[in-house]
PDB file of N, CA and C in Angstrom:
ATOM      1  N   MET A   1      50.621  44.954  20.554  1.00  0.00           N
ATOM      2  CA  MET A   1      50.130  45.778  21.610  1.00  0.00           C
ATOM      3  C   MET A   1      50.626  45.340  22.710  1.00  0.00           C
ATOM      4  N   LEU A   2      51.180  45.926  23.796  1.00  0.00           N
ATOM      5  CA  LEU A   2      51.316  45.663  25.008  1.00  0.00           C
ATOM      6  C   LEU A   2      50.286  45.281  25.997  1.00  0.00           C
ATOM      7  N   MET A   3      50.638  44.437  26.621  1.00  0.00           N
ATOM      8  CA  MET A   3      49.499  43.680  27.852  1.00  0.00           C
ATOM      9  C   MET A   3      48.920  45.147  28.119  1.00  0.00           C
ATOM     10  N   ASN A   4      49.637  46.022  29.028  1.00  0.00           N
ATOM     11  CA  ASN A   4      49.163  47.011  29.712  1.00  0.00           C
ATOM     12  C   ASN A   4      48.062  47.723  29.172  1.00  0.00           C
ATOM     13  N   SER A   5      48.427  47.848  27.884  1.00  0.00           N
ATOM     14  CA  SER A   5      47.482  48.633  26.854  1.00  0.00           C
ATOM     15  C   SER A   5      46.365  47.820  26.731  1.00  0.00           C
ATOM     16  N   LEU A   6      46.238  46.926  26.534  1.00  0.00           N
ATOM     17  CA  LEU A   6      45.119  45.843  26.294  1.00  0.00           C
ATOM     18  C   LEU A   6      44.141  46.059  27.514  1.00  0.00           C
ATOM     19  N   VAL A   7      44.722  45.841  28.725  1.00  0.00           N
ATOM     20  CA  VAL A   7      43.998  45.736  30.161  1.00  0.00           C
ATOM     21  C   VAL A   7      43.208  47.032  29.819  1.00  0.00           C
ATOM     22  N   GLU A   8      44.063  48.128  29.889  1.00  0.00           N
ATOM     23  CA  GLU A   8      43.553  49.398  29.897  1.00  0.00           C
ATOM     24  C   GLU A   8      42.445  49.740  29.017  1.00  0.00           C
ATOM     25  N   LEU A   9      42.387  49.271  27.709  1.00  0.00           N
ATOM     26  CA  LEU A   9      41.446  49.322  26.497  1.00  0.00           C
ATOM     27  C   LEU A   9      40.166  48.321  27.053  1.00  0.00           C
ATOM     28  N   ASP A  10      40.330  47.482  27.619  1.00  0.00           N
ATOM     29  CA  ASP A  10      39.297  46.489  28.058  1.00  0.00           C
ATOM     30  C   ASP A  10      38.476  47.252  29.249  1.00  0.00           C
ATOM     31  N   ARG A  11      39.175  47.719  30.174  1.00  0.00           N
ATOM     32  CA  ARG A  11      38.430  48.472  31.136  1.00  0.00           C
ATOM     33  C   ARG A  11      37.788  49.823  30.554  1.00  0.00           C
ATOM     34  N   ALA A  12      38.127  50.670  29.660  1.00  0.00           N
ATOM     35  CA  ALA A  12      37.556  51.790  29.573  1.00  0.00           C
ATOM     36  C   ALA A  12      36.545  51.584  28.362  1.00  0.00           C
ATOM     37  N   HIS A  13      36.662  50.835  27.675  1.00  0.00           N
ATOM     38  CA  HIS A  13      35.821  50.561  26.295  1.00  0.00           C
ATOM     39  C   HIS A  13      34.961  49.102  26.096  1.00  0.00           C
ATOM     40  N   LEU A  14      35.299  47.735  26.979  1.00  0.00           N
ATOM     41  CA  LEU A  14      34.470  46.934  26.615  1.00  0.00           C
ATOM     42  C   LEU A  14      33.445  46.294  27.711  1.00  0.00           C
ATOM     43  N   VAL A  15      32.035  46.015  27.181  1.00  0.00           N
ATOM     44  CA  VAL A  15      31.265  45.657  28.332  1.00  0.00           C
ATOM     45  C   VAL A  15      31.174  44.455  27.875  1.00  0.00           C
ATOM     46  N   HIS A  16      31.536  43.418  29.214  1.00  0.00           N
ATOM     47  CA  HIS A  16      31.542  41.937  29.193  1.00  0.00           C
ATOM     48  C   HIS A  16      30.280  41.383  29.517  1.00  0.00           C
ATOM     49  N   PRO A  17      29.251  41.020  28.454  1.00  0.00           N
ATOM     50  CA  PRO A  17      27.636  40.603  28.736  1.00  0.00           C
ATOM     51  C   PRO A  17      27.300  39.446  29.643  1.00  0.00           C
ATOM     52  N   VAL A  18      28.049  38.885  30.032  1.00  0.00           N
ATOM     53  CA  VAL A  18      27.860  37.681  30.581  1.00  0.00           C
ATOM     54  C   VAL A  18      28.745  37.713  32.182  1.00  0.00           C
ATOM     55  N   ALA A  19      29.326  39.157  32.670  1.00  0.00           N
ATOM     56  CA  ALA A  19      30.408  38.884  33.675  1.00  0.00           C
ATOM     57  C   ALA A  19      29.614  39.946  34.609  1.00  0.00           C
ATOM     58  N   SER A  20      29.522  39.801  35.937  1.00  0.00           N
ATOM     59  CA  SER A  20      29.114  41.220  36.781  1.00  0.00           C
ATOM     60  C   SER A  20      30.271  42.004  36.418  1.00  0.00           C
ATOM     61  N   TYR A  21      29.916  43.082  36.506  1.00  0.00           N
ATOM     62  CA  TYR A  21      30.480  44.458  36.377  1.00  0.00           C
ATOM     63  C   TYR A  21      31.928  44.201  37.727  1.00  0.00           C
ATOM     64  N   ARG A  22      31.055  44.181  38.996  1.00  0.00           N
ATOM     65  CA  ARG A  22      32.195  43.879  40.266  1.00  0.00           C
ATOM     66  C   ARG A  22      33.161  42.978  40.074  1.00  0.00           C
ATOM     67  N   GLY A  23      32.653  41.717  39.755  1.00  0.00           N
ATOM     68  CA  GLY A  23      33.257  40.527  39.678  1.00  0.00           C
ATOM     69  C   GLY A  23      34.406  40.499  38.589  1.00  0.00           C
ATOM     70  N   HIS A  24      34.207  41.548  37.573  1.00  0.00           N
ATOM     71  CA  HIS A  24      35.287  41.437  36.552  1.00  0.00           C
ATOM     72  C   HIS A  24      36.387  42.215  36.876  1.00  0.00           C
ATOM     73  N   GLU A  25      35.905  43.189  37.577  1.00  0.00           N
ATOM     74  CA  GLU A  25      37.201  44.133  38.166  1.00  0.00           C
ATOM     75  C   GLU A  25      37.660  43.489  39.204  1.00  0.00           C
ATOM     76  N   LYS A  26      37.243  42.708  40.287  1.00  0.00           N
ATOM     77  CA  LYS A  26      37.880  42.100  41.160  1.00  0.00           C
ATOM     78  C   LYS A  26      38.850  41.207  40.399  1.00  0.00           C
ATOM     79  N   ALA A  27      38.226  40.514  39.681  1.00  0.00           N
ATOM     80  CA  ALA A  27      39.094  39.354  39.011  1.00  0.00           C
ATOM     81  C   ALA A  27      40.169  39.752  38.021  1.00  0.00           C
ATOM     82  N   GLY A  28      40.113  40.817  37.596  1.00  0.00           N
ATOM     83  CA  GLY A  28      40.895  41.491  36.558  1.00  0.00           C
ATOM     84  C   GLY A  28      40.425  41.087  34.946  1.00  0.00           C
ATOM     85  N   VAL A  29      41.025  41.969  34.176  1.00  0.00           N
ATOM     86  CA  VAL A  29      40.960  41.326  32.833  1.00  0.00           C
ATOM     87  C   VAL A  29      41.827  40.160  32.391  1.00  0.00           C
ATOM     88  N   ARG A  30      41.222  39.428  31.319  1.00  0.00           N
ATOM     89  CA  ARG A  30      41.684  38.406  30.982  1.00  0.00           C
ATOM     90  C   ARG A  30      41.757  38.619  29.683  1.00  0.00           C
ATOM     91  N   VAL A  31      42.866  38.507  28.697  1.00  0.00           N
ATOM     92  CA  VAL A  31      43.353  38.661  27.290  1.00  0.00           C
ATOM     93  C   VAL A  31      43.375  37.334  26.914  1.00  0.00           C
ATOM     94  N   LEU A  32      42.713  36.658  26.030  1.00  0.00           N
ATOM     95  CA  LEU A  32      42.686  35.426  25.343  1.00  0.00           C
ATOM     96  C   LEU A  32      43.992  35.492  24.328  1.00  0.00           C
ATOM     97  N   ALA A  33      44.848  34.618  24.194  1.00  0.00           N
ATOM     98  CA  ALA A  33      45.858  34.856  23.245  1.00  0.00           C
ATOM     99  C   ALA A  33      45.804  33.820  22.251  1.00  0.00           C
ATOM    100  N   SER A  34      45.558  32.304  22.456  1.00  0.00           N
ATOM    101  CA  SER A  34      45.382  31.407  21.454  1.00  0.00           C
ATOM    102  C   SER A  34      44.426  30.264  21.794  1.00  0.00           C
ATOM    103  N   GLY A  35      44.148  29.366  20.776  1.00  0.00           N
ATOM    104  CA  GLY A  35      43.468  28.237  21.010  1.00  0.00           C
ATOM    105  C   GLY A  35      43.428  27.187  20.259  1.00  0.00           C
ATOM    106  N   LYS A  36      43.132  26.073  20.668  1.00  0.00           N
ATOM    107  CA  LYS A  36      43.432  24.939  19.989  1.00  0.00           C
ATOM    108  C   LYS A  36      42.239  23.745  20.571  1.00  0.00           C
ATOM    109  N   GLY A  37      41.620  23.477  19.706  1.00  0.00           N
ATOM    110  CA  GLY A  37      40.295  22.330  20.055  1.00  0.00           C
ATOM    111  C   GLY A  37      39.559  23.039  20.507  1.00  0.00           C
ATOM    112  N   ALA A  38      39.118  22.901  21.999  1.00  0.00           N
ATOM    113  CA  ALA A  38      37.939  23.127  22.524  1.00  0.00           C
ATOM    114  C   ALA A  38      38.551  24.164  23.468  1.00  0.00           C
ATOM    115  N   ARG A  39      39.857  24.217  23.666  1.00  0.00           N
ATOM    116  CA  ARG A  39      40.614  25.210  24.851  1.00  0.00           C
ATOM    117  C   ARG A  39      41.251  26.339  24.431  1.00  0.00           C
ATOM    118  N   VAL A  40      41.202  27.319  25.135  1.00  0.00           N
ATOM    119  CA  VAL A  40      41.598  28.919  24.849  1.00  0.00           C
ATOM    120  C   VAL A  40      42.879  28.767  26.258  1.00  0.00           C
ATOM    121  N   LYS A  41      44.127  29.690  25.660  1.00  0.00           N
ATOM    122  CA  LYS A  41      44.920  29.951  26.478  1.00  0.00           C
ATOM    123  C   LYS A  41      45.046  31.557  26.735  1.00  0.00           C
ATOM    124  N   ASP A  42      44.911  32.194  28.034  1.00  0.00           N
ATOM    125  CA  ASP A  42      45.204  33.664  27.941  1.00  0.00           C
ATOM    126  C   ASP A  42      46.394  33.907  27.814  1.00  0.00           C
ATOM    127  N   ALA A  43      46.948  35.389  27.887  1.00  0.00           N
ATOM    128  CA  ALA A  43      48.055  35.763  27.673  1.00  0.00           C
ATOM    129  C   ALA A  43      49.155  35.479  28.903  1.00  0.00           C
ATOM    130  N   SER A  44      48.257  35.099  29.929  1.00  0.00           N
ATOM    131  CA  SER A  44      49.476  34.409  31.293  1.00  0.00           C
ATOM    132  C   SER A  44      49.636  32.776  31.203  1.00  0.00           C
ATOM    133  N   GLY A  45      49.103  32.385  29.998  1.00  0.00           N
ATOM    134  CA  GLY A  45      49.293  31.133  30.032  1.00  0.00           C
ATOM    135  C   GLY A  45      48.275  30.097  30.753  1.00  0.00           C
ATOM    136  N   HIS A  46      47.338  30.532  31.216  1.00  0.00           N
ATOM    137  CA  HIS A  46      46.389  29.810  31.632  1.00  0.00           C
ATOM    138  C   HIS A  46      45.662  29.154  30.752  1.00  0.00           C
ATOM    139  N   GLU A  47      45.153  27.922  30.701  1.00  0.00           N
ATOM    140  CA  GLU A  47      44.187  27.222  29.954  1.00  0.00           C
ATOM    141  C   GLU A  47      42.963  27.053  30.391  1.00  0.00           C
ATOM    142  N   LEU A  48      41.893  27.230  29.589  1.00  0.00           N
ATOM    143  CA  LEU A  48      40.609  27.265  29.951  1.00  0.00           C
ATOM    144  C   LEU A  48      39.853  26.467  28.689  1.00  0.00           C
ATOM    145  N   ILE A  49      39.049  25.772  29.195  1.00  0.00           N
ATOM    146  CA  ILE A  49      37.649  25.182  28.166  1.00  0.00           C
ATOM    147  C   ILE A  49      37.191  26.409  27.796  1.00  0.00           C
ATOM    148  N   ASP A  50      36.800  26.311  26.320  1.00  0.00           N
ATOM    149  CA  ASP A  50      36.024  27.465  25.754  1.00  0.00           C
ATOM    150  C   ASP A  50      34.626  26.895  25.745  1.00  0.00           C
ATOM    151  N   GLY A  51      33.733  27.259  26.595  1.00  0.00           N
ATOM    152  CA  GLY A  51      32.179  26.451  26.502  1.00  0.00           C
ATOM    153  C   GLY A  51      31.287  27.453  25.831  1.00  0.00           C
ATOM    154  N   PHE A  52      31.704  28.612  25.579  1.00  0.00           N
ATOM    155  CA  PHE A  52      30.694  29.469  24.749  1.00  0.00           C
ATOM    156  C   PHE A  52      31.147  29.581  23.016  1.00  0.00           C
ATOM    157  N   ALA A  53      32.086  29.345  22.617  1.00  0.00           N
ATOM    158  CA  ALA A  53      32.682  29.320  21.254  1.00  0.00           C
ATOM    159  C   ALA A  53      31.902  28.384  20.386  1.00  0.00           C
ATOM    160  N   GLY A  54      31.747  27.122  20.981  1.00  0.00           N
ATOM    161  CA  GLY A  54      30.852  26.292  20.131  1.00  0.00           C
ATOM    162  C   GLY A  54      29.390  26.457  20.091  1.00  0.00           C
ATOM    163  N   LEU A  55      28.778  27.126  21.177  1.00  0.00           N
ATOM    164  CA  LEU A  55      27.340  27.581  20.702  1.00  0.00           C
ATOM    165  C   LEU A  55      27.124  28.267  19.533  1.00  0.00           C
ATOM    166  N   TRP A  56      28.049  29.121  18.931  1.00  0.00           N
ATOM    167  CA  TRP A  56      27.858  30.142  17.910  1.00  0.00           C
ATOM    168  C   TRP A  56      28.909  30.295  16.623  1.00  0.00           C
ATOM    169  N   CYS A  57      30.138  29.899  17.033  1.00  0.00           N
ATOM    170  CA  CYS A  57      31.175  30.244  15.588  1.00  0.00           C
ATOM    171  C   CYS A  57      32.157  29.059  15.545  1.00  0.00           C
ATOM    172  N   VAL A  58      32.605  28.710  16.713  1.00  0.00           N
ATOM    173  CA  VAL A  58      33.978  27.733  16.674  1.00  0.00           C
ATOM    174  C   VAL A  58      33.381  26.402  16.885  1.00  0.00           C
ATOM    175  N   ASN A  59      32.085  25.816  16.580  1.00  0.00           N
ATOM    176  CA  ASN A  59      31.803  24.447  17.086  1.00  0.00           C
ATOM    177  C   ASN A  59      32.680  23.451  16.719  1.00  0.00           C
ATOM    178  N   ALA A  60      33.459  23.542  15.814  1.00  0.00           N
ATOM    179  CA  ALA A  60      34.138  22.533  15.148  1.00  0.00           C
ATOM    180  C   ALA A  60      35.590  22.398  16.033  1.00  0.00           C
ATOM    181  N   GLY A  61      35.814  23.413  16.935  1.00  0.00           N
ATOM    182  CA  GLY A  61      36.957  23.582  17.655  1.00  0.00           C
ATOM    183  C   GLY A  61      38.266  24.794  17.049  1.00  0.00           C
ATOM    184  N   TYR A  62      39.285  24.986  17.881  1.00  0.00           N
ATOM    185  CA  TYR A  62      40.151  25.908  17.279  1.00  0.00           C
ATOM    186  C   TYR A  62      41.042  25.194  16.553  1.00  0.00           C
ATOM    187  N   GLY A  63      41.885  25.619  15.412  1.00  0.00           N
ATOM    188  CA  GLY A  63      42.928  25.099  15.075  1.00  0.00           C
ATOM    189  C   GLY A  63      42.693  23.938  13.772  1.00  0.00           C
ATOM    190  N   GLN A  64      41.241  23.866  13.464  1.00  0.00           N
ATOM    191  CA  GLN A  64      41.052  22.646  12.570  1.00  0.00           C
ATOM    192  C   GLN A  64      41.682  23.115  11.033  1.00  0.00           C
ATOM    193  N   GLU A  65      42.476  22.232  10.493  1.00  0.00           N
ATOM    194  CA  GLU A  65      43.311  22.705   9.358  1.00  0.00           C
ATOM    195  C   GLU A  65      42.648  22.552   8.418  1.00  0.00           C
ATOM    196  N   THR A  66      41.673  21.812   8.209  1.00  0.00           N
ATOM    197  CA  THR A  66      40.437  21.788   7.113  1.00  0.00           C
ATOM    198  C   THR A  66      39.849  22.859   6.972  1.00  0.00           C
ATOM    199  N   ILE A  67      39.387  23.403   7.867  1.00  0.00           N
ATOM    200  CA  ILE A  67      38.670  24.703   7.879  1.00  0.00           C
ATOM    201  C   ILE A  67      39.703  25.965   7.800  1.00  0.00           C
ATOM    202  N   ILE A  68      40.805  25.833   8.205  1.00  0.00           N
ATOM    203  CA  ILE A  68      41.889  26.798   7.896  1.00  0.00           C
ATOM    204  C   ILE A  68      42.339  26.811   6.145  1.00  0.00           C
ATOM    205  N   GLU A  69      42.196  25.700   6.193  1.00  0.00           N
ATOM    206  CA  GLU A  69      42.881  25.418   4.541  1.00  0.00           C
ATOM    207  C   GLU A  69      41.837  26.128   3.468  1.00  0.00           C
ATOM    208  N   ALA A  70      40.255  25.808   3.799  1.00  0.00           N
ATOM    209  CA  ALA A  70      39.208  26.075   2.774  1.00  0.00           C
ATOM    210  C   ALA A  70      38.920  27.505   3.084  1.00  0.00           C
ATOM    211  N   ALA A  71      38.903  28.149   4.132  1.00  0.00           N
ATOM    212  CA  ALA A  71      39.048  29.587   4.765  1.00  0.00           C
ATOM    213  C   ALA A  71      40.065  30.488   3.820  1.00  0.00           C
ATOM    214  N   THR A  72      41.374  29.901   3.742  1.00  0.00           N
ATOM    215  CA  THR A  72      42.646  30.375   3.123  1.00  0.00           C
ATOM    216  C   THR A  72      42.087  30.710   1.583  1.00  0.00           C
ATOM    217  N   ARG A  73      42.064  29.377   0.866  1.00  0.00           N
ATOM    218  CA  ARG A  73      41.513  29.224  -0.177  1.00  0.00           C
ATOM    219  C   ARG A  73      40.509  30.173  -0.567  1.00  0.00           C
ATOM    220  N   GLN A  74      39.324  30.410  -0.207  1.00  0.00           N
ATOM    221  CA  GLN A  74      38.407  31.080  -0.140  1.00  0.00           C
ATOM    222  C   GLN A  74      38.627  32.739  -0.146  1.00  0.00           C
ATOM    223  N   LEU A  75      39.270  32.965   0.937  1.00  0.00           N
ATOM    224  CA  LEU A  75      40.249  34.541   1.137  1.00  0.00           C
ATOM    225  C   LEU A  75      41.164  35.038  -0.012  1.00  0.00           C
ATOM    226  N   ARG A  76      41.689  33.824  -0.691  1.00  0.00           N
ATOM    227  CA  ARG A  76      42.348  34.436  -1.753  1.00  0.00           C
ATOM    228  C   ARG A  76      41.336  34.528  -3.280  1.00  0.00           C
ATOM    229  N   GLU A  77      40.546  33.616  -3.222  1.00  0.00           N
ATOM    230  CA  GLU A  77      39.845  33.786  -4.282  1.00  0.00           C
ATOM    231  C   GLU A  77      38.691  34.733  -4.602  1.00  0.00           C
ATOM    232  N   LEU A  78      37.911  34.878  -3.311  1.00  0.00           N
ATOM    233  CA  LEU A  78      36.777  36.060  -3.194  1.00  0.00           C
ATOM    234  C   LEU A  78      36.371  36.031  -1.735  1.00  0.00           C
ATOM    235  N   PRO A  79      37.286  37.348  -1.264  1.00  0.00           N
ATOM    236  CA  PRO A  79      37.038  37.425   0.183  1.00  0.00           C
ATOM    237  C   PRO A  79      35.716  37.818   0.924  1.00  0.00           C
ATOM    238  N   TYR A  80      35.218  38.509  -0.197  1.00  0.00           N
ATOM    239  CA  TYR A  80      33.607  39.007   0.494  1.00  0.00           C
ATOM    240  C   TYR A  80      32.925  39.218  -0.998  1.00  0.00           C
ATOM    241  N   ALA A  81      31.591  38.914  -1.269  1.00  0.00           N
ATOM    242  CA  ALA A  81      30.635  39.041  -2.347  1.00  0.00           C
ATOM    243  C   ALA A  81      29.129  39.478  -1.974  1.00  0.00           C
ATOM    244  N   THR A  82      28.672  40.309  -2.488  1.00  0.00           N
ATOM    245  CA  THR A  82      27.318  40.597  -2.074  1.00  0.00           C
ATOM    246  C   THR A  82      26.382  39.566  -2.349  1.00  0.00           C
ATOM    247  N   GLY A  83      25.428  39.361  -1.729  1.00  0.00           N
ATOM    248  CA  GLY A  83      24.666  38.378  -1.804  1.00  0.00           C
ATOM    249  C   GLY A  83      23.451  38.516  -2.860  1.00  0.00           C
ATOM    250  N   TYR A  84      23.626  39.499  -3.551  1.00  0.00           N
ATOM    251  CA  TYR A  84      22.412  39.585  -4.527  1.00  0.00           C
ATOM    252  C   TYR A  84      22.869  39.016  -5.935  1.00  0.00           C
ATOM    253  N   PHE A  85      24.315  38.493  -6.371  1.00  0.00           N
ATOM    254  CA  PHE A  85      24.491  37.850  -7.283  1.00  0.00           C
ATOM    255  C   PHE A  85      25.708  37.149  -7.086  1.00  0.00           C
ATOM    256  N   GLY A  86      26.177  36.293  -7.898  1.00  0.00           N
ATOM    257  CA  GLY A  86      27.435  35.813  -7.836  1.00  0.00           C
ATOM    258  C   GLY A  86      27.604  34.375  -7.410  1.00  0.00           C
ATOM    259  N   GLN A  87      28.610  33.764  -7.317  1.00  0.00           N
ATOM    260  CA  GLN A  87      28.916  32.242  -6.959  1.00  0.00           C
ATOM    261  C   GLN A  87      28.156  32.118  -5.647  1.00  0.00           C
ATOM    262  N   SER A  88      28.574  32.759  -4.681  1.00  0.00           N
ATOM    263  CA  SER A  88      27.916  32.439  -3.424  1.00  0.00           C
ATOM    264  C   SER A  88      26.514  32.518  -3.281  1.00  0.00           C
ATOM    265  N   SER A  89      25.677  33.304  -4.048  1.00  0.00           N
ATOM    266  CA  SER A  89      24.163  32.962  -4.097  1.00  0.00           C
ATOM    267  C   SER A  89      23.768  32.019  -5.074  1.00  0.00           C
ATOM    268  N   LEU A  90      24.860  31.803  -6.169  1.00  0.00           N
ATOM    269  CA  LEU A  90      24.018  30.687  -7.139  1.00  0.00           C
ATOM    270  C   LEU A  90      24.398  29.273  -6.614  1.00  0.00           C
ATOM    271  N   CYS A  91      25.356  28.834  -5.561  1.00  0.00           N
ATOM    272  CA  CYS A  91      25.363  27.829  -4.899  1.00  0.00           C
ATOM    273  C   CYS A  91      24.651  27.536  -3.853  1.00  0.00           C
ATOM    274  N   MET A  92      23.477  28.311  -3.485  1.00  0.00           N
ATOM    275  CA  MET A  92      22.846  28.004  -2.202  1.00  0.00           C
ATOM    276  C   MET A  92      22.145  26.593  -2.400  1.00  0.00           C
ATOM    277  N   PRO A  93      22.389  25.722  -1.306  1.00  0.00           N
ATOM    278  CA  PRO A  93      21.468  24.525  -1.334  1.00  0.00           C
ATOM    279  C   PRO A  93      19.728  24.927  -1.796  1.00  0.00           C
ATOM    280  N   THR A  94      19.348  24.076  -2.723  1.00  0.00           N
ATOM    281  CA  THR A  94      18.008  24.301  -3.066  1.00  0.00           C
ATOM    282  C   THR A  94      17.011  22.933  -2.379  1.00  0.00           C
ATOM    283  N   SER A  95      17.703  22.310  -1.948  1.00  0.00           N
ATOM    284  CA  SER A  95      16.767  20.991  -1.674  1.00  0.00           C
ATOM    285  C   SER A  95      15.596  21.068  -0.437  1.00  0.00           C
ATOM    286  N   GLY A  96      15.672  22.257  -0.024  1.00  0.00           N
ATOM    287  CA  GLY A  96      14.664  22.406   1.205  1.00  0.00           C
ATOM    288  C   GLY A  96      13.226  23.081   0.526  1.00  0.00           C
ATOM    289  N   CYS A  97      13.810  24.121  -0.452  1.00  0.00           N
ATOM    290  CA  CYS A  97      13.147  24.858  -1.662  1.00  0.00           C
ATOM    291  C   CYS A  97      12.091  23.996  -2.268  1.00  0.00           C
ATOM    292  N   LYS A  98      12.882  22.611  -2.764  1.00  0.00           N
ATOM    293  CA  LYS A  98      12.030  22.247  -3.793  1.00  0.00           C
ATOM    294  C   LYS A  98      10.662  21.491  -3.152  1.00  0.00           C
ATOM    295  N   SER A  99      10.638  21.474  -1.948  1.00  0.00           N
ATOM    296  CA  SER A  99       9.390  20.505  -1.378  1.00  0.00           C
ATOM    297  C   SER A  99       8.071  21.864  -1.302  1.00  0.00           C
ATOM    298  N   LEU A 100       8.579  23.257  -1.309  1.00  0.00           N
ATOM    299  CA  LEU A 100       7.688  24.233  -0.909  1.00  0.00           C
ATOM    300  C   LEU A 100       6.763  24.386  -2.172  1.00  0.00           C
ATOM    301  N   PRO A 101       5.401  24.676  -1.873  1.00  0.00           N
ATOM    302  CA  PRO A 101       4.630  25.050  -3.156  1.00  0.00           C
ATOM    303  C   PRO A 101       4.809  25.873  -3.997  1.00  0.00           C
ATOM    304  N   GLY A 102       4.739  25.713  -5.247  1.00  0.00           N
ATOM    305  CA  GLY A 102       5.142  27.103  -6.228  1.00  0.00           C
ATOM    306  C   GLY A 102       6.663  27.140  -6.313  1.00  0.00           C
ATOM    307  N   SER A 103       7.867  26.601  -5.575  1.00  0.00           N
ATOM    308  CA  SER A 103       9.090  26.811  -5.824  1.00  0.00           C
ATOM    309  C   SER A 103       9.870  26.648  -6.899  1.00  0.00           C
ATOM    310  N   GLN A 104       9.241  25.328  -7.609  1.00  0.00           N
ATOM    311  CA  GLN A 104       9.945  24.642  -8.701  1.00  0.00           C
ATOM    312  C   GLN A 104      11.216  24.519  -8.594  1.00  0.00           C
ATOM    313  N   GLY A 105      11.724  24.031  -7.388  1.00  0.00           N
ATOM    314  CA  GLY A 105      13.210  24.027  -6.852  1.00  0.00           C
ATOM    315  C   GLY A 105      14.122  25.253  -7.108  1.00  0.00           C
ATOM    316  N   TYR A 106      13.568  26.122  -7.355  1.00  0.00           N
ATOM    317  CA  TYR A 106      14.671  27.509  -7.418  1.00  0.00           C
ATOM    318  C   TYR A 106      14.860  27.963  -5.826  1.00  0.00           C
ATOM    319  N   ARG A 107      15.867  28.470  -5.765  1.00  0.00           N
ATOM    320  CA  ARG A 107      16.350  29.023  -4.406  1.00  0.00           C
ATOM    321  C   ARG A 107      15.327  30.067  -3.852  1.00  0.00           C
ATOM    322  N   CYS A 108      15.040  29.671  -2.892  1.00  0.00           N
ATOM    323  CA  CYS A 108      13.964  30.622  -1.970  1.00  0.00           C
ATOM    324  C   CYS A 108      14.958  31.462  -1.007  1.00  0.00           C
ATOM    325  N   ARG A 109      14.024  32.694  -0.606  1.00  0.00           N
ATOM    326  CA  ARG A 109      14.541  33.708   0.477  1.00  0.00           C
ATOM    327  C   ARG A 109      13.569  33.617   1.443  1.00  0.00           C
TER     328      ARG A 109
END
């Protein structure tokens, strides 16, 4: 997709929850293009430290080969499964549940 199209889509449809509207409009749209470690690059080539990513979903950093390999294996084998049954629900850790009264070491919800 062309950069101009992404900028227009951003302005028309995206709400940036931690940016002031006027400040965002003045500074312009920043489209992120890549990441490595704790840094990201925007489409213009400017490198930034991604301080927000580690708070929620990329705390190991971008481009970690062991995570990429594990995710790739899982996507090939079973990209999605319901939590009601199957290997993903059977392999949940039970150590915390063992100490709960009446749990008998079974998986707790």
